[in-house]
Amino acid sequence: MGILYGMVGRGHVVLAEFNATQSNASGIAKQILEKINEGTVPFAFLEDIHQKFVKTYGRAIISAPGYAMNEEFSRVLSQQIDYYSNNPNADRLNRLKGEMTQVKTVMIDNIEKVLERGGRLEMLVEKTSAMNNNSIRFKRQSRRYRNNMWWNNVRLTVTLIIIFIISIYILLAFICHGPLLTKCWR
């Protein structure tokens, strides 16, 4: 036989339900919801019983006949029902477990964020190092370019001076009627 009824609830409020057959499962579930105390005690009880049962019997539960463990395990059930019904620490303990789980989740998230931030910082350091190397290379290239431009200017200036001197000499040679400028010296 499969599952015939399922329900999701919050406190005493039914949020969703499904009934595979025409039955009074919905009414019974609502009555059970009204009797369940607020908090996690019933679920902590169920989890505790499940763990103790599996730990005690292990794989033997797969092939055990009906009520095979009743005599021995009914005492454990009685003790746990009494504990979860009467001990005020039962609910505090579960609340603390829940808070510890939340703290653990937050810590894991924070560690992941720190690791992610560390990765980004590492990438930023690499980019900064690359930019520093590029700036050093740019400085060298700009210095080399400036030196080349200075030498080009010196060559151009010397060439212009030589052309100017030759032009003046040719003009004087023309005025003085000869390359030795003999008429102009006299």
N, C-alpha and C. Protein backbone atom coordinates (compact mmCIF):
# COMPACT_ATOMS: atom_id res chain seq x y z
N MET A 1 0.85 -1.16 0.00
CA MET A 1 0.00 0.00 0.00
C MET A 1 0.90 1.23 0.00
N GLY A 2 0.56 2.23 -0.81
CA GLY A 2 1.35 3.44 -0.94
C GLY A 2 0.91 4.51 0.04
N ILE A 3 1.43 5.67 -0.11
CA ILE A 3 1.07 6.81 0.73
C ILE A 3 -0.26 7.35 0.24
N LEU A 4 -1.19 7.52 1.16
CA LEU A 4 -2.54 7.93 0.78
C LEU A 4 -2.83 9.39 1.10
N TYR A 5 -2.06 9.98 2.02
CA TYR A 5 -2.35 11.35 2.43
C TYR A 5 -1.04 12.07 2.72
N GLY A 6 -0.97 13.31 2.28
CA GLY A 6 0.20 14.15 2.58
C GLY A 6 -0.25 15.56 2.89
N MET A 7 0.49 16.22 3.79
CA MET A 7 0.10 17.56 4.20
C MET A 7 1.34 18.36 4.59
N VAL A 8 1.31 19.67 4.32
CA VAL A 8 2.35 20.59 4.76
C VAL A 8 1.66 21.61 5.65
N GLY A 9 2.24 21.83 6.84
CA GLY A 9 1.62 22.78 7.75
C GLY A 9 2.65 23.66 8.43
N ARG A 10 2.14 24.78 8.95
CA ARG A 10 2.97 25.69 9.74
C ARG A 10 2.20 25.92 11.03
N GLY A 11 2.76 25.41 12.13
CA GLY A 11 2.03 25.50 13.39
C GLY A 11 0.73 24.73 13.27
N HIS A 12 -0.40 25.41 13.49
CA HIS A 12 -1.71 24.76 13.42
C HIS A 12 -2.39 25.02 12.07
N VAL A 13 -1.69 25.64 11.14
CA VAL A 13 -2.29 26.03 9.86
C VAL A 13 -1.86 25.05 8.78
N VAL A 14 -2.82 24.51 8.05
CA VAL A 14 -2.54 23.63 6.91
C VAL A 14 -2.25 24.52 5.71
N LEU A 15 -1.07 24.33 5.11
CA LEU A 15 -0.68 25.13 3.95
C LEU A 15 -1.02 24.42 2.63
N ALA A 16 -0.91 23.11 2.64
CA ALA A 16 -1.24 22.33 1.44
C ALA A 16 -1.50 20.90 1.87
N GLU A 17 -2.38 20.21 1.13
CA GLU A 17 -2.64 18.81 1.45
C GLU A 17 -3.12 18.08 0.20
N PHE A 18 -2.94 16.75 0.23
CA PHE A 18 -3.44 15.91 -0.85
C PHE A 18 -3.95 14.62 -0.23
N ASN A 19 -5.15 14.23 -0.63
CA ASN A 19 -5.77 13.00 -0.14
C ASN A 19 -6.04 12.12 -1.35
N ALA A 20 -5.37 10.98 -1.45
CA ALA A 20 -5.52 10.10 -2.61
C ALA A 20 -6.83 9.32 -2.58
N THR A 21 -7.45 9.22 -1.43
CA THR A 21 -8.72 8.49 -1.32
C THR A 21 -9.73 9.33 -0.54
N GLN A 22 -10.98 8.91 -0.60
CA GLN A 22 -12.01 9.57 0.20
C GLN A 22 -11.90 9.04 1.62
N SER A 23 -11.32 9.83 2.51
CA SER A 23 -11.16 9.38 3.89
C SER A 23 -11.21 10.59 4.82
N ASN A 24 -11.15 10.30 6.10
CA ASN A 24 -11.16 11.37 7.10
C ASN A 24 -9.74 11.75 7.52
N ALA A 25 -8.72 11.46 6.67
CA ALA A 25 -7.32 11.75 7.00
C ALA A 25 -7.11 13.23 7.23
N SER A 26 -7.80 14.07 6.48
CA SER A 26 -7.63 15.52 6.63
C SER A 26 -8.10 15.96 8.01
N GLY A 27 -9.24 15.49 8.45
CA GLY A 27 -9.75 15.85 9.77
C GLY A 27 -8.85 15.37 10.89
N ILE A 28 -8.35 14.14 10.75
CA ILE A 28 -7.44 13.58 11.76
C ILE A 28 -6.14 14.37 11.80
N ALA A 29 -5.62 14.73 10.62
CA ALA A 29 -4.38 15.51 10.57
C ALA A 29 -4.56 16.86 11.25
N LYS A 30 -5.72 17.49 11.05
CA LYS A 30 -5.97 18.79 11.69
C LYS A 30 -6.05 18.64 13.20
N GLN A 31 -6.65 17.54 13.68
CA GLN A 31 -6.71 17.30 15.12
C GLN A 31 -5.31 17.10 15.69
N ILE A 32 -4.49 16.37 14.95
CA ILE A 32 -3.11 16.14 15.40
C ILE A 32 -2.35 17.46 15.44
N LEU A 33 -2.53 18.29 14.41
CA LEU A 33 -1.85 19.59 14.38
C LEU A 33 -2.22 20.44 15.59
N GLU A 34 -3.49 20.39 16.00
CA GLU A 34 -3.93 21.20 17.14
C GLU A 34 -3.30 20.72 18.44
N LYS A 35 -2.96 19.44 18.51
CA LYS A 35 -2.40 18.88 19.74
C LYS A 35 -0.87 18.95 19.80
N ILE A 36 -0.24 19.21 18.66
CA ILE A 36 1.22 19.30 18.64
C ILE A 36 1.63 20.63 19.24
N ASN A 37 2.55 20.57 20.19
CA ASN A 37 3.07 21.81 20.80
C ASN A 37 3.87 22.59 19.78
N GLU A 38 3.89 23.90 19.95
CA GLU A 38 4.72 24.73 19.08
C GLU A 38 6.18 24.35 19.33
N GLY A 39 7.00 24.45 18.35
CA GLY A 39 8.42 24.18 18.50
C GLY A 39 8.80 22.89 17.83
N THR A 40 9.94 22.37 18.24
CA THR A 40 10.52 21.22 17.54
C THR A 40 10.49 19.95 18.34
N VAL A 41 9.81 19.93 19.48
CA VAL A 41 9.86 18.76 20.36
C VAL A 41 9.37 17.49 19.67
N PRO A 42 8.21 17.47 18.99
CA PRO A 42 7.79 16.20 18.37
C PRO A 42 8.78 15.70 17.32
N PHE A 43 9.34 16.63 16.57
CA PHE A 43 10.27 16.21 15.52
C PHE A 43 11.61 15.77 16.12
N ALA A 44 12.02 16.42 17.19
CA ALA A 44 13.24 16.00 17.88
C ALA A 44 13.03 14.60 18.48
N PHE A 45 11.85 14.37 19.03
CA PHE A 45 11.51 13.05 19.58
C PHE A 45 11.60 11.99 18.48
N LEU A 46 10.98 12.26 17.33
CA LEU A 46 10.99 11.30 16.23
C LEU A 46 12.41 11.03 15.73
N GLU A 47 13.20 12.08 15.60
CA GLU A 47 14.59 11.92 15.14
C GLU A 47 15.40 11.11 16.15
N ASP A 48 15.21 11.40 17.43
CA ASP A 48 15.93 10.68 18.49
C ASP A 48 15.56 9.20 18.50
N ILE A 49 14.27 8.92 18.41
CA ILE A 49 13.81 7.51 18.38
C ILE A 49 14.36 6.81 17.15
N HIS A 50 14.30 7.47 16.02
CA HIS A 50 14.82 6.87 14.78
C HIS A 50 16.30 6.50 14.94
N GLN A 51 17.10 7.43 15.44
CA GLN A 51 18.53 7.16 15.61
C GLN A 51 18.79 6.02 16.58
N LYS A 52 18.09 6.02 17.72
CA LYS A 52 18.29 4.95 18.71
C LYS A 52 17.86 3.59 18.16
N PHE A 53 16.74 3.56 17.44
CA PHE A 53 16.23 2.30 16.89
C PHE A 53 17.20 1.73 15.87
N VAL A 54 17.64 2.57 14.94
CA VAL A 54 18.57 2.10 13.90
C VAL A 54 19.90 1.70 14.51
N LYS A 55 20.37 2.45 15.49
CA LYS A 55 21.65 2.13 16.15
C LYS A 55 21.55 0.80 16.90
N THR A 56 20.41 0.57 17.54
CA THR A 56 20.25 -0.64 18.34
C THR A 56 20.08 -1.88 17.45
N TYR A 57 19.29 -1.79 16.40
CA TYR A 57 18.93 -2.99 15.64
C TYR A 57 19.59 -3.09 14.27
N GLY A 58 20.05 -2.01 13.74
CA GLY A 58 20.76 -2.02 12.47
C GLY A 58 19.96 -2.67 11.35
N ARG A 59 20.58 -3.59 10.64
CA ARG A 59 19.96 -4.22 9.47
C ARG A 59 18.91 -5.27 9.86
N ALA A 60 18.84 -5.60 11.13
CA ALA A 60 17.87 -6.61 11.57
C ALA A 60 16.44 -6.12 11.37
N ILE A 61 16.24 -4.82 11.29
CA ILE A 61 14.88 -4.29 11.14
C ILE A 61 14.29 -4.60 9.77
N ILE A 62 15.13 -4.92 8.80
CA ILE A 62 14.65 -5.20 7.45
C ILE A 62 13.81 -6.48 7.40
N SER A 63 14.25 -7.49 8.12
CA SER A 63 13.56 -8.79 8.03
C SER A 63 12.84 -9.19 9.32
N ALA A 64 12.74 -8.30 10.28
CA ALA A 64 12.11 -8.65 11.56
C ALA A 64 10.60 -8.77 11.41
N PRO A 65 10.00 -9.72 12.09
CA PRO A 65 8.52 -9.85 12.06
C PRO A 65 7.88 -8.76 12.94
N GLY A 66 6.58 -8.61 12.83
CA GLY A 66 5.85 -7.59 13.59
C GLY A 66 6.06 -7.73 15.09
N TYR A 67 6.26 -6.64 15.77
CA TYR A 67 6.44 -6.53 17.22
C TYR A 67 7.63 -7.32 17.75
N ALA A 68 8.60 -7.64 16.90
CA ALA A 68 9.76 -8.42 17.33
C ALA A 68 10.62 -7.65 18.32
N MET A 69 10.65 -6.35 18.24
CA MET A 69 11.49 -5.55 19.12
C MET A 69 10.66 -4.82 20.18
N ASN A 70 9.38 -5.11 20.26
CA ASN A 70 8.47 -4.36 21.12
C ASN A 70 8.85 -4.47 22.59
N GLU A 71 9.10 -5.69 23.05
CA GLU A 71 9.38 -5.88 24.47
C GLU A 71 10.61 -5.09 24.92
N GLU A 72 11.64 -5.15 24.12
CA GLU A 72 12.89 -4.47 24.47
C GLU A 72 12.81 -2.96 24.23
N PHE A 73 12.27 -2.54 23.08
CA PHE A 73 12.34 -1.12 22.70
C PHE A 73 11.19 -0.28 23.25
N SER A 74 10.12 -0.93 23.75
CA SER A 74 9.01 -0.15 24.31
C SER A 74 9.47 0.63 25.54
N ARG A 75 10.43 0.07 26.30
CA ARG A 75 10.98 0.81 27.46
C ARG A 75 11.69 2.08 27.01
N VAL A 76 12.46 1.99 25.90
CA VAL A 76 13.14 3.17 25.35
C VAL A 76 12.11 4.18 24.90
N LEU A 77 11.06 3.73 24.24
CA LEU A 77 9.98 4.64 23.82
C LEU A 77 9.37 5.35 25.03
N SER A 78 9.11 4.59 26.09
CA SER A 78 8.51 5.16 27.29
C SER A 78 9.42 6.22 27.90
N GLN A 79 10.70 5.90 28.01
CA GLN A 79 11.66 6.85 28.58
C GLN A 79 11.75 8.13 27.74
N GLN A 80 11.80 7.98 26.43
CA GLN A 80 11.93 9.15 25.57
C GLN A 80 10.65 9.99 25.54
N ILE A 81 9.49 9.34 25.58
CA ILE A 81 8.23 10.08 25.65
C ILE A 81 8.19 10.90 26.93
N ASP A 82 8.59 10.28 28.03
CA ASP A 82 8.61 10.98 29.31
C ASP A 82 9.59 12.16 29.25
N TYR A 83 10.76 11.91 28.71
CA TYR A 83 11.78 12.98 28.63
C TYR A 83 11.27 14.16 27.80
N TYR A 84 10.77 13.88 26.60
CA TYR A 84 10.35 14.96 25.71
C TYR A 84 9.04 15.62 26.15
N SER A 85 8.25 14.94 26.98
CA SER A 85 7.01 15.52 27.45
C SER A 85 7.19 16.37 28.70
N ASN A 86 8.12 15.98 29.56
CA ASN A 86 8.22 16.62 30.88
C ASN A 86 9.49 17.43 31.11
N ASN A 87 10.52 17.17 30.38
CA ASN A 87 11.80 17.85 30.63
C ASN A 87 11.85 19.16 29.84
N PRO A 88 11.93 20.31 30.53
CA PRO A 88 11.98 21.59 29.81
C PRO A 88 13.27 21.76 29.01
N ASN A 89 14.30 21.02 29.36
CA ASN A 89 15.56 21.13 28.63
C ASN A 89 15.51 20.51 27.25
N ALA A 90 14.53 19.63 27.02
CA ALA A 90 14.42 18.96 25.72
C ALA A 90 14.23 19.99 24.62
N ASP A 91 13.32 20.94 24.82
CA ASP A 91 13.07 21.95 23.80
C ASP A 91 14.25 22.92 23.70
N ARG A 92 14.85 23.29 24.82
CA ARG A 92 16.03 24.18 24.79
C ARG A 92 17.17 23.54 24.03
N LEU A 93 17.36 22.26 24.27
CA LEU A 93 18.45 21.55 23.59
C LEU A 93 18.25 21.58 22.09
N ASN A 94 17.03 21.34 21.65
CA ASN A 94 16.76 21.37 20.21
C ASN A 94 16.88 22.77 19.65
N ARG A 95 16.44 23.76 20.43
CA ARG A 95 16.59 25.14 19.97
C ARG A 95 18.08 25.47 19.83
N LEU A 96 18.88 25.03 20.81
CA LEU A 96 20.33 25.26 20.72
C LEU A 96 20.94 24.56 19.52
N LYS A 97 20.48 23.33 19.25
CA LYS A 97 20.97 22.61 18.07
C LYS A 97 20.64 23.40 16.80
N GLY A 98 19.41 23.90 16.74
CA GLY A 98 19.01 24.70 15.58
C GLY A 98 19.85 25.96 15.45
N GLU A 99 20.09 26.64 16.58
CA GLU A 99 20.91 27.85 16.55
C GLU A 99 22.34 27.52 16.13
N MET A 100 22.85 26.41 16.63
CA MET A 100 24.21 25.99 16.25
C MET A 100 24.29 25.71 14.75
N THR A 101 23.25 25.09 14.22
CA THR A 101 23.21 24.83 12.78
C THR A 101 23.20 26.14 12.00
N GLN A 102 22.40 27.11 12.49
CA GLN A 102 22.37 28.41 11.82
C GLN A 102 23.72 29.10 11.89
N VAL A 103 24.36 29.05 13.08
CA VAL A 103 25.68 29.68 13.24
C VAL A 103 26.68 29.00 12.31
N LYS A 104 26.61 27.69 12.24
CA LYS A 104 27.51 26.93 11.36
C LYS A 104 27.30 27.35 9.91
N THR A 105 26.05 27.48 9.50
CA THR A 105 25.74 27.90 8.12
C THR A 105 26.29 29.30 7.85
N VAL A 106 26.07 30.21 8.80
CA VAL A 106 26.58 31.58 8.62
C VAL A 106 28.10 31.59 8.54
N MET A 107 28.74 30.79 9.41
CA MET A 107 30.21 30.73 9.39
C MET A 107 30.72 30.18 8.06
N ILE A 108 30.07 29.15 7.55
CA ILE A 108 30.48 28.58 6.27
C ILE A 108 30.33 29.61 5.16
N ASP A 109 29.19 30.34 5.18
CA ASP A 109 28.99 31.40 4.18
C ASP A 109 30.07 32.47 4.30
N ASN A 110 30.39 32.87 5.53
CA ASN A 110 31.41 33.89 5.73
C ASN A 110 32.78 33.41 5.26
N ILE A 111 33.10 32.16 5.55
CA ILE A 111 34.38 31.60 5.10
C ILE A 111 34.44 31.58 3.58
N GLU A 112 33.32 31.19 2.95
CA GLU A 112 33.28 31.18 1.48
C GLU A 112 33.47 32.58 0.93
N LYS A 113 32.84 33.57 1.58
CA LYS A 113 32.99 34.96 1.13
C LYS A 113 34.42 35.44 1.30
N VAL A 114 35.05 35.06 2.43
CA VAL A 114 36.45 35.46 2.65
C VAL A 114 37.35 34.83 1.60
N LEU A 115 37.10 33.55 1.32
CA LEU A 115 37.91 32.88 0.29
C LEU A 115 37.70 33.52 -1.08
N GLU A 116 36.45 33.87 -1.36
CA GLU A 116 36.15 34.53 -2.64
C GLU A 116 36.83 35.89 -2.70
N ARG A 117 36.75 36.62 -1.58
CA ARG A 117 37.39 37.94 -1.51
C ARG A 117 38.90 37.78 -1.65
N GLY A 118 39.45 36.72 -1.02
CA GLY A 118 40.88 36.46 -1.14
C GLY A 118 41.27 36.20 -2.58
N GLY A 119 40.42 35.45 -3.28
CA GLY A 119 40.68 35.19 -4.70
C GLY A 119 40.66 36.47 -5.50
N ARG A 120 39.67 37.34 -5.18
CA ARG A 120 39.61 38.61 -5.89
C ARG A 120 40.81 39.49 -5.56
N LEU A 121 41.24 39.47 -4.28
CA LEU A 121 42.42 40.25 -3.90
C LEU A 121 43.67 39.73 -4.61
N GLU A 122 43.76 38.42 -4.71
CA GLU A 122 44.90 37.83 -5.42
C GLU A 122 44.91 38.26 -6.88
N MET A 123 43.73 38.26 -7.50
CA MET A 123 43.63 38.69 -8.89
C MET A 123 43.98 40.18 -9.00
N LEU A 124 43.55 40.98 -8.03
CA LEU A 124 43.86 42.41 -8.02
C LEU A 124 45.36 42.63 -7.87
N VAL A 125 46.01 41.84 -7.02
CA VAL A 125 47.47 41.95 -6.85
C VAL A 125 48.17 41.60 -8.15
N GLU A 126 47.70 40.57 -8.83
CA GLU A 126 48.30 40.18 -10.11
C GLU A 126 48.13 41.29 -11.14
N LYS A 127 46.93 41.88 -11.20
CA LYS A 127 46.70 42.96 -12.16
C LYS A 127 47.55 44.17 -11.82
N THR A 128 47.69 44.48 -10.53
CA THR A 128 48.52 45.61 -10.11
C THR A 128 49.97 45.37 -10.50
N SER A 129 50.44 44.15 -10.28
CA SER A 129 51.81 43.81 -10.66
C SER A 129 52.01 43.95 -12.17
N ALA A 130 51.03 43.49 -12.94
CA ALA A 130 51.12 43.62 -14.39
C ALA A 130 51.12 45.08 -14.81
N MET A 131 50.28 45.89 -14.16
CA MET A 131 50.25 47.32 -14.48
C MET A 131 51.58 47.99 -14.12
N ASN A 132 52.17 47.58 -13.00
CA ASN A 132 53.47 48.14 -12.60
C ASN A 132 54.53 47.78 -13.63
N ASN A 133 54.54 46.52 -14.06
CA ASN A 133 55.51 46.11 -15.10
C ASN A 133 55.27 46.88 -16.39
N ASN A 134 54.01 47.07 -16.75
CA ASN A 134 53.70 47.83 -17.97
C ASN A 134 54.14 49.28 -17.84
N SER A 135 53.98 49.87 -16.65
CA SER A 135 54.38 51.27 -16.48
C SER A 135 55.90 51.41 -16.56
N ILE A 136 56.62 50.44 -16.02
CA ILE A 136 58.09 50.47 -16.11
C ILE A 136 58.51 50.36 -17.57
N ARG A 137 57.88 49.44 -18.30
CA ARG A 137 58.17 49.28 -19.72
C ARG A 137 57.83 50.56 -20.49
N PHE A 138 56.69 51.17 -20.16
CA PHE A 138 56.29 52.42 -20.82
C PHE A 138 57.31 53.52 -20.55
N LYS A 139 57.79 53.59 -19.29
CA LYS A 139 58.81 54.60 -18.95
C LYS A 139 60.06 54.41 -19.80
N ARG A 140 60.52 53.18 -19.89
CA ARG A 140 61.73 52.90 -20.68
C ARG A 140 61.51 53.28 -22.15
N GLN A 141 60.37 52.88 -22.68
CA GLN A 141 60.09 53.17 -24.09
C GLN A 141 59.96 54.67 -24.32
N SER A 142 59.31 55.36 -23.39
CA SER A 142 59.17 56.81 -23.57
C SER A 142 60.52 57.50 -23.44
N ARG A 143 61.39 57.03 -22.56
CA ARG A 143 62.74 57.60 -22.44
C ARG A 143 63.52 57.35 -23.74
N ARG A 144 63.42 56.14 -24.27
CA ARG A 144 64.10 55.82 -25.52
C ARG A 144 63.56 56.69 -26.67
N TYR A 145 62.24 56.86 -26.70
CA TYR A 145 61.62 57.70 -27.73
C TYR A 145 62.07 59.15 -27.59
N ARG A 146 62.11 59.65 -26.35
CA ARG A 146 62.56 61.03 -26.11
C ARG A 146 64.01 61.21 -26.55
N ASN A 147 64.85 60.23 -26.23
CA ASN A 147 66.26 60.31 -26.66
C ASN A 147 66.38 60.29 -28.19
N ASN A 148 65.59 59.42 -28.81
CA ASN A 148 65.61 59.38 -30.28
C ASN A 148 65.16 60.71 -30.87
N MET A 149 64.11 61.28 -30.29
CA MET A 149 63.63 62.58 -30.78
C MET A 149 64.69 63.67 -30.58
N TRP A 150 65.37 63.66 -29.44
CA TRP A 150 66.43 64.65 -29.18
C TRP A 150 67.53 64.53 -30.22
N TRP A 151 67.95 63.27 -30.49
CA TRP A 151 69.01 63.09 -31.49
C TRP A 151 68.52 63.51 -32.88
N ASN A 152 67.28 63.22 -33.18
CA ASN A 152 66.74 63.67 -34.47
C ASN A 152 66.74 65.19 -34.55
N ASN A 153 66.37 65.86 -33.46
CA ASN A 153 66.40 67.32 -33.44
C ASN A 153 67.82 67.86 -33.59
N VAL A 154 68.78 67.21 -32.93
CA VAL A 154 70.19 67.63 -33.05
C VAL A 154 70.65 67.46 -34.49
N ARG A 155 70.34 66.33 -35.09
CA ARG A 155 70.74 66.09 -36.48
C ARG A 155 70.10 67.14 -37.40
N LEU A 156 68.81 67.40 -37.19
CA LEU A 156 68.11 68.38 -38.01
C LEU A 156 68.73 69.77 -37.84
N THR A 157 69.02 70.14 -36.58
CA THR A 157 69.62 71.45 -36.32
C THR A 157 70.99 71.55 -36.97
N VAL A 158 71.80 70.53 -36.81
CA VAL A 158 73.14 70.54 -37.42
C VAL A 158 73.02 70.59 -38.93
N THR A 159 72.07 69.82 -39.49
CA THR A 159 71.87 69.83 -40.95
C THR A 159 71.44 71.22 -41.41
N LEU A 160 70.51 71.84 -40.69
CA LEU A 160 70.05 73.18 -41.06
C LEU A 160 71.19 74.21 -40.95
N ILE A 161 72.00 74.09 -39.90
CA ILE A 161 73.16 75.01 -39.76
C ILE A 161 74.12 74.84 -40.92
N ILE A 162 74.39 73.57 -41.27
CA ILE A 162 75.32 73.30 -42.39
C ILE A 162 74.72 73.86 -43.68
N ILE A 163 73.42 73.63 -43.90
CA ILE A 163 72.77 74.15 -45.12
C ILE A 163 72.82 75.68 -45.12
N PHE A 164 72.57 76.29 -43.96
CA PHE A 164 72.62 77.75 -43.85
C PHE A 164 74.03 78.27 -44.15
N ILE A 165 75.02 77.62 -43.60
CA ILE A 165 76.42 78.06 -43.86
C ILE A 165 76.76 77.88 -45.33
N ILE A 166 76.35 76.75 -45.91
CA ILE A 166 76.64 76.53 -47.33
C ILE A 166 75.89 77.56 -48.18
N SER A 167 74.64 77.87 -47.81
CA SER A 167 73.87 78.88 -48.56
C SER A 167 74.54 80.24 -48.47
N ILE A 168 75.00 80.62 -47.31
CA ILE A 168 75.70 81.91 -47.15
C ILE A 168 77.00 81.90 -47.95
N TYR A 169 77.72 80.78 -47.92
CA TYR A 169 78.98 80.70 -48.69
C TYR A 169 78.71 80.84 -50.18
N ILE A 170 77.63 80.12 -50.65
CA ILE A 170 77.31 80.22 -52.09
C ILE A 170 76.91 81.65 -52.43
N LEU A 171 76.13 82.29 -51.58
CA LEU A 171 75.73 83.68 -51.82
C LEU A 171 76.96 84.60 -51.84
N LEU A 172 77.84 84.42 -50.90
CA LEU A 172 79.06 85.24 -50.86
C LEU A 172 79.95 84.95 -52.08
N ALA A 173 80.03 83.67 -52.46
CA ALA A 173 80.85 83.32 -53.62
C ALA A 173 80.26 83.96 -54.88
N PHE A 174 78.96 84.04 -54.95
CA PHE A 174 78.32 84.68 -56.09
C PHE A 174 78.58 86.20 -56.07
N ILE A 175 78.45 86.78 -54.87
CA ILE A 175 78.68 88.22 -54.75
C ILE A 175 80.16 88.56 -54.96
N CYS A 176 81.03 87.72 -54.43
CA CYS A 176 82.46 88.01 -54.51
C CYS A 176 83.10 87.46 -55.78
N HIS A 177 82.41 86.94 -56.67
CA HIS A 177 82.86 86.43 -57.97
C HIS A 177 83.93 85.36 -57.84
N GLY A 178 83.65 84.34 -57.08
CA GLY A 178 84.58 83.24 -57.03
C GLY A 178 84.48 82.47 -55.73
N PRO A 179 84.89 81.22 -55.78
CA PRO A 179 84.75 80.37 -54.61
C PRO A 179 85.74 80.74 -53.51
N LEU A 180 86.82 81.42 -53.80
CA LEU A 180 87.80 81.75 -52.76
C LEU A 180 87.49 83.08 -52.10
N LEU A 181 86.48 83.79 -52.56
CA LEU A 181 86.01 85.07 -52.02
C LEU A 181 87.16 86.10 -52.00
N THR A 182 87.97 86.09 -52.99
CA THR A 182 89.13 87.00 -53.01
C THR A 182 88.74 88.45 -53.17
N LYS A 183 87.71 88.76 -53.90
CA LYS A 183 87.30 90.14 -54.09
C LYS A 183 86.73 90.72 -52.80
N CYS A 184 86.11 89.87 -51.99
CA CYS A 184 85.48 90.39 -50.77
C CYS A 184 86.51 90.61 -49.68
N TRP A 185 87.71 90.03 -49.78
CA TRP A 185 88.71 90.16 -48.73
C TRP A 185 89.50 91.44 -48.90
N ARG A 186 89.46 91.96 -49.98
CA ARG A 186 90.28 93.11 -50.22
C ARG A 186 89.68 94.34 -49.79
